Amino acid sequence: MATKMCFRVNENKVFDEEIVTFTYVKGMAFSQKCKNVLSFHSSIQEQFPTSKLLEVSTKSYNRVGVALSAFNLTLDGRSVESIYHSSKVFENGNSFEFVKDLPPLEAKKFVRENGIGCLKSYMYNGTEIPLEPKTLFYDFIYISALMQHPEVSNCLSEYDIFTDIEFNEKKGINCQARACAIYSYMLRTNSVDKYMSSMEDFKKIYDLAR
């Protein structure tokens, strides 16, 4: 058995984080991860039988979920994943803006191997962005990318719960499933323009989500 987090849209407080136990299939193969998605979703459905679920990753059995993986989703023509890693600024001042033009796995690997010291902030479009709230920057650029692809993202209001089988809340912070839950909330409450006009406006979403 294993446990993973999913994100359930809550129109009163943006989203709820739910920890769900499911039968885990061992193995790193693509097919095994797809089986785990189905097992995970089956357990979620037992708890929330009327909810509509979406796995947001390259392991999704839904084409929308695959398209919205941060590896596939683009912002201004570049992978969200690559933009995220290119924006990191380390405590010694090092940053690697050029990796925004690299494929996402290469960008991630390069920054991981060459970044020295702790992460200090993000630099995006000439603006320095603090590390707090912890998922502010990632969620903002991801949702900005969603807005550029309404042909696949507008349907997110139809889903109640979002998952990412690769996300481990014990090791990581940022999660594309969380960002999708936030955007689903915005679509349902007609508040996209209200919160996405600027990063300062977007920061207000975390006050609601407490």
Protein backbone atom coordinates (compact mmCIF):
# COMPACT_ATOMS: atom_id res chain seq x y z
CA MET A 1 0.00 0.00 0.00
CA ALA A 2 1.03 3.60 -0.51
CA THR A 3 -0.31 7.09 0.20
CA LYS A 4 -0.40 10.11 -2.07
CA MET A 5 -1.89 13.56 -2.02
CA CYS A 6 -4.66 14.76 -4.30
CA PHE A 7 -6.19 18.21 -4.60
CA ARG A 8 -9.96 18.64 -4.34
CA VAL A 9 -11.55 21.89 -5.51
CA ASN A 10 -13.36 23.71 -2.71
CA GLU A 11 -15.24 26.84 -3.73
CA ASN A 12 -15.10 28.11 -0.14
CA LYS A 13 -11.30 27.85 0.28
CA VAL A 14 -9.91 27.16 -3.23
CA PHE A 15 -8.83 23.55 -2.63
CA ASP A 16 -8.37 20.82 -0.03
CA GLU A 17 -5.36 18.53 0.18
CA GLU A 18 -6.46 14.93 0.67
CA ILE A 19 -4.15 12.03 1.54
CA VAL A 20 -5.38 8.78 0.01
CA THR A 21 -4.16 5.21 0.56
CA PHE A 22 -4.12 2.92 -2.46
CA THR A 23 -2.66 -0.37 -3.67
CA TYR A 24 0.78 0.35 -5.07
CA VAL A 25 2.25 -1.50 -8.05
CA LYS A 26 6.03 -1.74 -7.84
CA GLY A 27 8.25 -0.79 -10.76
CA MET A 28 9.48 2.28 -12.61
CA ALA A 29 8.17 1.29 -16.05
CA PHE A 30 5.66 3.58 -17.75
CA SER A 31 3.04 0.80 -17.68
CA GLN A 32 3.47 0.34 -13.93
CA LYS A 33 3.00 4.04 -13.25
CA CYS A 34 -0.15 4.04 -15.37
CA LYS A 35 -1.48 1.15 -13.27
CA ASN A 36 -0.78 3.18 -10.14
CA VAL A 37 -2.79 6.08 -11.54
CA LEU A 38 -5.77 3.77 -12.00
CA SER A 39 -5.32 2.30 -8.50
CA PHE A 40 -4.96 5.76 -6.96
CA HIS A 41 -8.06 7.03 -8.73
CA SER A 42 -10.04 3.97 -7.73
CA SER A 43 -9.30 4.65 -4.06
CA ILE A 44 -10.16 8.35 -4.43
CA GLN A 45 -13.44 7.45 -6.10
CA GLU A 46 -14.36 5.27 -3.13
CA GLN A 47 -14.07 8.30 -0.86
CA PHE A 48 -15.57 10.82 -3.28
CA PRO A 49 -17.85 8.74 -5.53
CA THR A 50 -19.45 11.65 -7.39
CA SER A 51 -16.21 13.48 -8.13
CA LYS A 52 -14.67 13.75 -11.58
CA LEU A 53 -10.92 13.09 -11.52
CA LEU A 54 -8.01 14.17 -13.71
CA GLU A 55 -4.43 12.90 -13.57
CA VAL A 56 -2.15 15.72 -14.70
CA SER A 57 1.06 14.13 -15.95
CA THR A 58 2.53 12.24 -18.87
CA LYS A 59 1.11 9.08 -17.21
CA SER A 60 -2.48 10.29 -17.52
CA TYR A 61 -5.03 8.17 -19.37
CA ASN A 62 -6.72 11.41 -20.41
CA ARG A 63 -5.22 13.40 -23.31
CA VAL A 64 -5.95 16.64 -21.43
CA GLY A 65 -3.90 15.46 -18.48
CA VAL A 66 -0.99 14.57 -20.75
CA ALA A 67 -1.17 17.92 -22.56
CA LEU A 68 -1.12 19.77 -19.24
CA SER A 69 1.99 18.09 -17.91
CA ALA A 70 4.54 20.85 -17.13
CA PHE A 71 6.85 19.02 -19.54
CA ASN A 72 4.36 19.51 -22.39
CA LEU A 73 2.59 22.74 -21.43
CA THR A 74 4.24 25.86 -22.81
CA LEU A 75 4.35 29.50 -21.76
CA ASP A 76 5.32 31.88 -24.56
CA GLY A 77 6.51 28.90 -26.57
CA ARG A 78 8.76 27.40 -23.87
CA SER A 79 8.17 24.49 -21.53
CA VAL A 80 6.83 25.53 -18.13
CA GLU A 81 9.31 23.12 -16.55
CA SER A 82 12.25 24.74 -18.34
CA ILE A 83 11.09 28.25 -17.46
CA TYR A 84 10.76 27.29 -13.82
CA HIS A 85 14.33 25.97 -13.57
CA SER A 86 15.76 28.85 -15.60
CA SER A 87 14.31 31.33 -13.11
CA LYS A 88 16.05 29.93 -10.03
CA VAL A 89 18.56 32.22 -8.31
CA PHE A 90 20.98 30.62 -5.86
CA GLU A 91 22.52 32.20 -2.76
CA ASN A 92 25.83 32.84 -4.54
CA GLY A 93 23.98 34.77 -7.24
CA ASN A 94 24.17 32.03 -9.86
CA SER A 95 21.25 31.66 -12.26
CA PHE A 96 20.89 29.89 -15.57
CA GLU A 97 18.36 31.79 -17.67
CA PHE A 98 19.54 30.15 -20.90
CA VAL A 99 18.11 26.75 -19.87
CA LYS A 100 14.61 28.04 -20.62
CA ASP A 101 15.38 27.11 -24.24
CA LEU A 102 16.46 23.56 -23.34
CA PRO A 103 14.16 20.54 -23.24
CA PRO A 104 12.68 20.21 -19.72
CA LEU A 105 14.69 17.19 -18.57
CA GLU A 106 17.93 18.79 -19.74
CA ALA A 107 17.07 22.09 -18.06
CA LYS A 108 16.23 20.38 -14.78
CA LYS A 109 19.39 18.26 -14.84
CA PHE A 110 21.68 21.17 -15.70
CA VAL A 111 20.40 23.39 -12.88
CA ARG A 112 20.47 20.54 -10.38
CA GLU A 113 24.09 19.77 -11.22
CA ASN A 114 25.32 23.37 -11.47
CA GLY A 115 23.31 25.32 -8.91
CA ILE A 116 25.49 26.11 -5.89
CA GLY A 117 24.07 26.66 -2.43
CA CYS A 118 20.48 27.14 -1.38
CA LEU A 119 17.78 28.63 -3.55
CA LYS A 120 17.49 32.36 -2.76
CA SER A 121 14.68 33.58 -5.02
CA TYR A 122 13.35 33.50 -8.58
CA MET A 123 13.99 36.01 -11.34
CA TYR A 124 11.30 36.23 -14.00
CA ASN A 125 10.90 38.93 -16.65
CA GLY A 126 13.33 41.13 -14.76
CA THR A 127 11.45 40.87 -11.46
CA GLU A 128 12.79 39.11 -8.38
CA ILE A 129 10.20 36.87 -6.76
CA PRO A 130 10.51 35.65 -3.15
CA LEU A 131 10.35 32.01 -2.08
CA GLU A 132 7.26 32.60 0.06
CA PRO A 133 4.49 31.59 -0.35
CA LYS A 134 6.35 28.41 -1.27
CA THR A 135 4.44 27.52 -4.46
CA LEU A 136 3.65 31.10 -5.56
CA PHE A 137 6.05 31.32 -8.49
CA TYR A 138 5.45 27.83 -9.89
CA ASP A 139 1.67 28.10 -9.61
CA PHE A 140 1.68 31.54 -11.23
CA ILE A 141 3.71 30.59 -14.31
CA TYR A 142 1.84 27.31 -14.68
CA ILE A 143 -1.56 29.02 -14.57
CA SER A 144 -0.27 31.74 -16.91
CA ALA A 145 0.52 28.94 -19.34
CA LEU A 146 -2.96 27.44 -18.89
CA MET A 147 -4.44 30.77 -19.89
CA GLN A 148 -2.50 30.64 -23.17
CA HIS A 149 -4.04 27.25 -24.01
CA PRO A 150 -7.80 27.58 -23.46
CA GLU A 151 -8.44 24.76 -25.94
CA VAL A 152 -7.30 22.29 -23.31
CA SER A 153 -7.49 24.23 -20.03
CA ASN A 154 -11.04 25.60 -20.11
CA CYS A 155 -12.41 22.15 -19.36
CA LEU A 156 -10.67 22.09 -15.96
CA SER A 157 -13.77 23.57 -14.34
CA GLU A 158 -15.47 20.24 -15.06
CA TYR A 159 -13.08 18.33 -12.78
CA ASP A 160 -13.32 18.12 -9.01
CA ILE A 161 -10.09 16.38 -8.03
CA PHE A 162 -6.61 16.56 -9.55
CA THR A 163 -3.69 14.17 -9.11
CA ASP A 164 -0.07 13.85 -10.19
CA ILE A 165 1.25 10.32 -9.68
CA GLU A 166 4.85 11.61 -9.73
CA PHE A 167 4.32 14.12 -6.92
CA ASN A 168 5.70 13.22 -3.50
CA GLU A 169 4.69 15.77 -0.89
CA LYS A 170 7.44 14.51 1.43
CA LYS A 171 10.16 15.45 -1.07
CA GLY A 172 8.73 18.24 -3.18
CA ILE A 173 6.53 21.31 -2.96
CA ASN A 174 5.41 22.32 -6.44
CA CYS A 175 2.70 20.28 -8.08
CA GLN A 176 0.91 20.76 -11.40
CA ALA A 177 -2.20 19.08 -9.96
CA ARG A 178 -2.43 21.75 -7.25
CA ALA A 179 -2.10 24.50 -9.85
CA CYS A 180 -4.89 22.90 -11.90
CA ALA A 181 -7.14 22.78 -8.83
CA ILE A 182 -6.50 26.50 -8.27
CA TYR A 183 -7.33 27.27 -11.89
CA SER A 184 -10.46 25.13 -11.72
CA TYR A 185 -11.55 27.20 -8.73
CA MET A 186 -10.86 30.43 -10.65
CA LEU A 187 -12.88 29.24 -13.63
CA ARG A 188 -15.80 28.16 -11.46
CA THR A 189 -15.86 31.46 -9.57
CA ASN A 190 -15.18 33.64 -12.64
CA SER A 191 -12.14 35.09 -10.89
CA VAL A 192 -9.33 34.45 -13.37
CA ASP A 193 -8.94 38.15 -14.20
CA LYS A 194 -9.21 39.09 -10.53
CA TYR A 195 -6.28 36.95 -9.44
CA MET A 196 -4.13 36.74 -12.57
CA SER A 197 -3.76 40.46 -13.30
CA SER A 198 -0.43 40.43 -11.45
CA MET A 199 1.60 38.22 -9.16
CA GLU A 200 0.60 40.44 -6.22
CA ASP A 201 -3.06 39.80 -7.01
CA PHE A 202 -2.36 36.09 -7.41
CA LYS A 203 -0.72 35.98 -3.98
CA LYS A 204 -4.14 36.70 -2.45
CA ILE A 205 -5.29 33.23 -3.46
CA TYR A 206 -3.16 31.74 -0.68
CA ASP A 207 -5.02 33.73 1.97
CA LEU A 208 -8.22 32.08 0.79
CA ALA A 209 -6.63 28.64 0.68
CA ARG A 210 -5.55 28.61 4.35
